[in-house]
C-alpha atoms as a PDB file:
ATOM      1  CA  MET A   1      56.445 118.605 -62.468  1.00  0.00           C
ATOM      2  CA  GLY A   2      59.793 116.745 -62.269  1.00  0.00           C
ATOM      3  CA  THR A   3      61.015 113.786 -64.546  1.00  0.00           C
ATOM      4  CA  ARG A   4      59.668 110.200 -63.888  1.00  0.00           C
ATOM      5  CA  VAL A   5      62.209 107.926 -62.797  1.00  0.00           C
ATOM      6  CA  VAL A   6      59.956 104.890 -61.793  1.00  0.00           C
ATOM      7  CA  TRP A   7      57.195 103.172 -63.924  1.00  0.00           C
ATOM      8  CA  ALA A   8      55.022 100.497 -62.377  1.00  0.00           C
ATOM      9  CA  LEU A   9      53.654  98.377 -65.072  1.00  0.00           C
ATOM     10  CA  THR A  10      51.032  95.541 -65.313  1.00  0.00           C
ATOM     11  CA  GLY A  11      50.754  93.403 -68.423  1.00  0.00           C
ATOM     12  CA  ARG A  12      48.506  90.395 -69.354  1.00  0.00           C
ATOM     13  CA  ARG A  13      49.267  86.867 -71.162  1.00  0.00           C
ATOM     14  CA  PRO A  14      47.239  84.017 -71.587  1.00  0.00           C
ATOM     15  CA  THR A  15      48.949  82.405 -68.301  1.00  0.00           C
ATOM     16  CA  GLY A  16      48.222  85.688 -65.841  1.00  0.00           C
ATOM     17  CA  THR A  17      49.198  88.965 -64.969  1.00  0.00           C
ATOM     18  CA  ILE A  18      52.981  90.356 -65.343  1.00  0.00           C
ATOM     19  CA  ASP A  19      54.100  93.143 -62.518  1.00  0.00           C
ATOM     20  CA  THR A  20      56.806  94.983 -63.492  1.00  0.00           C
ATOM     21  CA  LEU A  21      58.931  97.696 -61.927  1.00  0.00           C
ATOM     22  CA  LEU A  22      61.193  99.758 -64.206  1.00  0.00           C
ATOM     23  CA  VAL A  23      63.679 102.362 -62.656  1.00  0.00           C
ATOM     24  CA  ARG A  24      65.779 105.004 -64.713  1.00  0.00           C
ATOM     25  CA  ARG A  25      69.704 103.696 -63.969  1.00  0.00           C
ATOM     26  CA  ASP A  26      71.494 106.981 -63.138  1.00  0.00           C
ATOM     27  CA  TRP A  27      68.522 107.583 -60.696  1.00  0.00           C
ATOM     28  CA  LEU A  28      69.172 104.191 -59.653  1.00  0.00           C
ATOM     29  CA  GLU A  29      72.823 104.492 -59.108  1.00  0.00           C
ATOM     30  CA  GLN A  30      72.855 108.059 -57.398  1.00  0.00           C
ATOM     31  CA  ARG A  31      70.575 106.805 -54.952  1.00  0.00           C
ATOM     32  CA  LEU A  32      73.001 103.709 -54.097  1.00  0.00           C
ATOM     33  CA  HIS A  33      75.833 105.898 -53.971  1.00  0.00           C
ATOM     34  CA  THR A  34      73.937 108.430 -51.425  1.00  0.00           C
ATOM     35  CA  LEU A  35      73.088 105.304 -49.316  1.00  0.00           C
ATOM     36  CA  ASP A  36      76.596 103.782 -49.475  1.00  0.00           C
ATOM     37  CA  ALA A  37      74.824 100.914 -50.959  1.00  0.00           C
ATOM     38  CA  ALA A  38      74.228  97.848 -53.479  1.00  0.00           C
ATOM     39  CA  LEU A  39      71.406  96.112 -55.032  1.00  0.00           C
ATOM     40  CA  VAL A  40      71.385  92.562 -55.180  1.00  0.00           C
ATOM     41  CA  LEU A  41      68.635  90.686 -56.931  1.00  0.00           C
ATOM     42  CA  GLY A  42      67.850  87.162 -57.010  1.00  0.00           C
ATOM     43  CA  LEU A  43      65.351  85.037 -58.204  1.00  0.00           C
ATOM     44  CA  PHE A  44      65.376  81.125 -57.016  1.00  0.00           C
ATOM     45  CA  GLY A  45      62.748  78.651 -58.264  1.00  0.00           C
ATOM     46  CA  GLU A  46      60.787  81.385 -59.974  1.00  0.00           C
ATOM     47  CA  ARG A  47      58.009  79.310 -62.082  1.00  0.00           C
ATOM     48  CA  GLN A  48      56.592  80.520 -65.151  1.00  0.00           C
ATOM     49  CA  PRO A  49      53.838  78.387 -66.948  1.00  0.00           C
ATOM     50  CA  ARG A  50      54.137  77.408 -70.231  1.00  0.00           C
ATOM     51  CA  THR A  51      50.734  76.163 -70.834  1.00  0.00           C
ATOM     52  CA  THR A  52      47.261  78.034 -70.117  1.00  0.00           C
ATOM     53  CA  SER A  53      46.389  74.191 -68.242  1.00  0.00           C
ATOM     54  CA  LEU A  54      49.194  74.660 -65.767  1.00  0.00           C
ATOM     55  CA  THR A  55      50.948  71.156 -66.787  1.00  0.00           C
ATOM     56  CA  GLN A  56      54.183  72.749 -67.725  1.00  0.00           C
ATOM     57  CA  TRP A  57      56.134  75.269 -66.470  1.00  0.00           C
ATOM     58  CA  ARG A  58      59.743  76.784 -66.685  1.00  0.00           C
ATOM     59  CA  GLU A  59      61.591  77.134 -63.545  1.00  0.00           C
ATOM     60  CA  TYR A  60      64.568  79.301 -63.389  1.00  0.00           C
ATOM     61  CA  SER A  61      67.252  80.927 -60.886  1.00  0.00           C
ATOM     62  CA  GLN A  62      69.383  84.044 -61.301  1.00  0.00           C
ATOM     63  CA  THR A  63      71.247  86.399 -59.572  1.00  0.00           C
ATOM     64  CA  ALA A  64      72.625  90.075 -60.391  1.00  0.00           C
ATOM     65  CA  GLY A  65      74.043  92.801 -58.601  1.00  0.00           C
ATOM     66  CA  LEU A  66      74.480  96.267 -59.001  1.00  0.00           C
ATOM     67  CA  GLN A  67      77.128  98.601 -57.215  1.00  0.00           C
ATOM     68  CA  PRO A  68      77.539 102.615 -58.086  1.00  0.00           C
ATOM     69  CA  GLY A  69      79.571 103.554 -61.089  1.00  0.00           C
ATOM     70  CA  GLN A  70      80.468  99.835 -61.748  1.00  0.00           C
ATOM     71  CA  GLU A  71      78.930  97.415 -64.803  1.00  0.00           C
ATOM     72  CA  LEU A  72      75.665  95.001 -63.643  1.00  0.00           C
ATOM     73  CA  THR A  73      77.070  91.589 -62.813  1.00  0.00           C
ATOM     74  CA  VAL A  74      74.836  88.445 -63.558  1.00  0.00           C
ATOM     75  CA  GLN A  75      75.110  85.130 -63.107  1.00  0.00           C
ATOM     76  CA  GLU A  76      74.389  82.414 -65.657  1.00  0.00           C
ATOM     77  CA  GLN A  77      70.759  81.884 -65.538  1.00  0.00           C
ATOM     78  CA  LEU A  78      69.417  78.038 -64.456  1.00  0.00           C
ATOM     79  CA  THR A  79      66.623  76.861 -65.944  1.00  0.00           C
ATOM     80  CA  ARG A  80      64.599  73.737 -66.590  1.00  0.00           C
ATOM     81  CA  ILE A  81      61.338  72.545 -67.798  1.00  0.00           C
ATOM     82  CA  LYS A  82      58.918  70.802 -65.278  1.00  0.00           C
ATOM     83  CA  ILE A  83      55.773  68.761 -66.075  1.00  0.00           C
ATOM     84  CA  ASN A  84      53.178  67.662 -63.857  1.00  0.00           C
ATOM     85  CA  ARG A  85      52.823  64.096 -64.479  1.00  0.00           C
ATOM     86  CA  ASN A  86      49.908  63.661 -61.678  1.00  0.00           C
ATOM     87  CA  GLN A  87      47.235  65.270 -64.195  1.00  0.00           C
END
């Protein structure tokens, strides 16, 4: 049996389910190097509920990038609290 390099996790909280994919960094960098690729991640307008009644949520945007052999670059997170005033 080989060494596990990827984990798919599901968590629960009062406002819903969270799915997460974790990858061992050395494996990811090797794959990127082999493919002559870089990884760019972006969240734009991601919403996370702040209450179980869904009247408030946090909205945020952020980008990050990874190139083999270099440090992860992360842009400043843009965030704000939103409120549904129609309820």
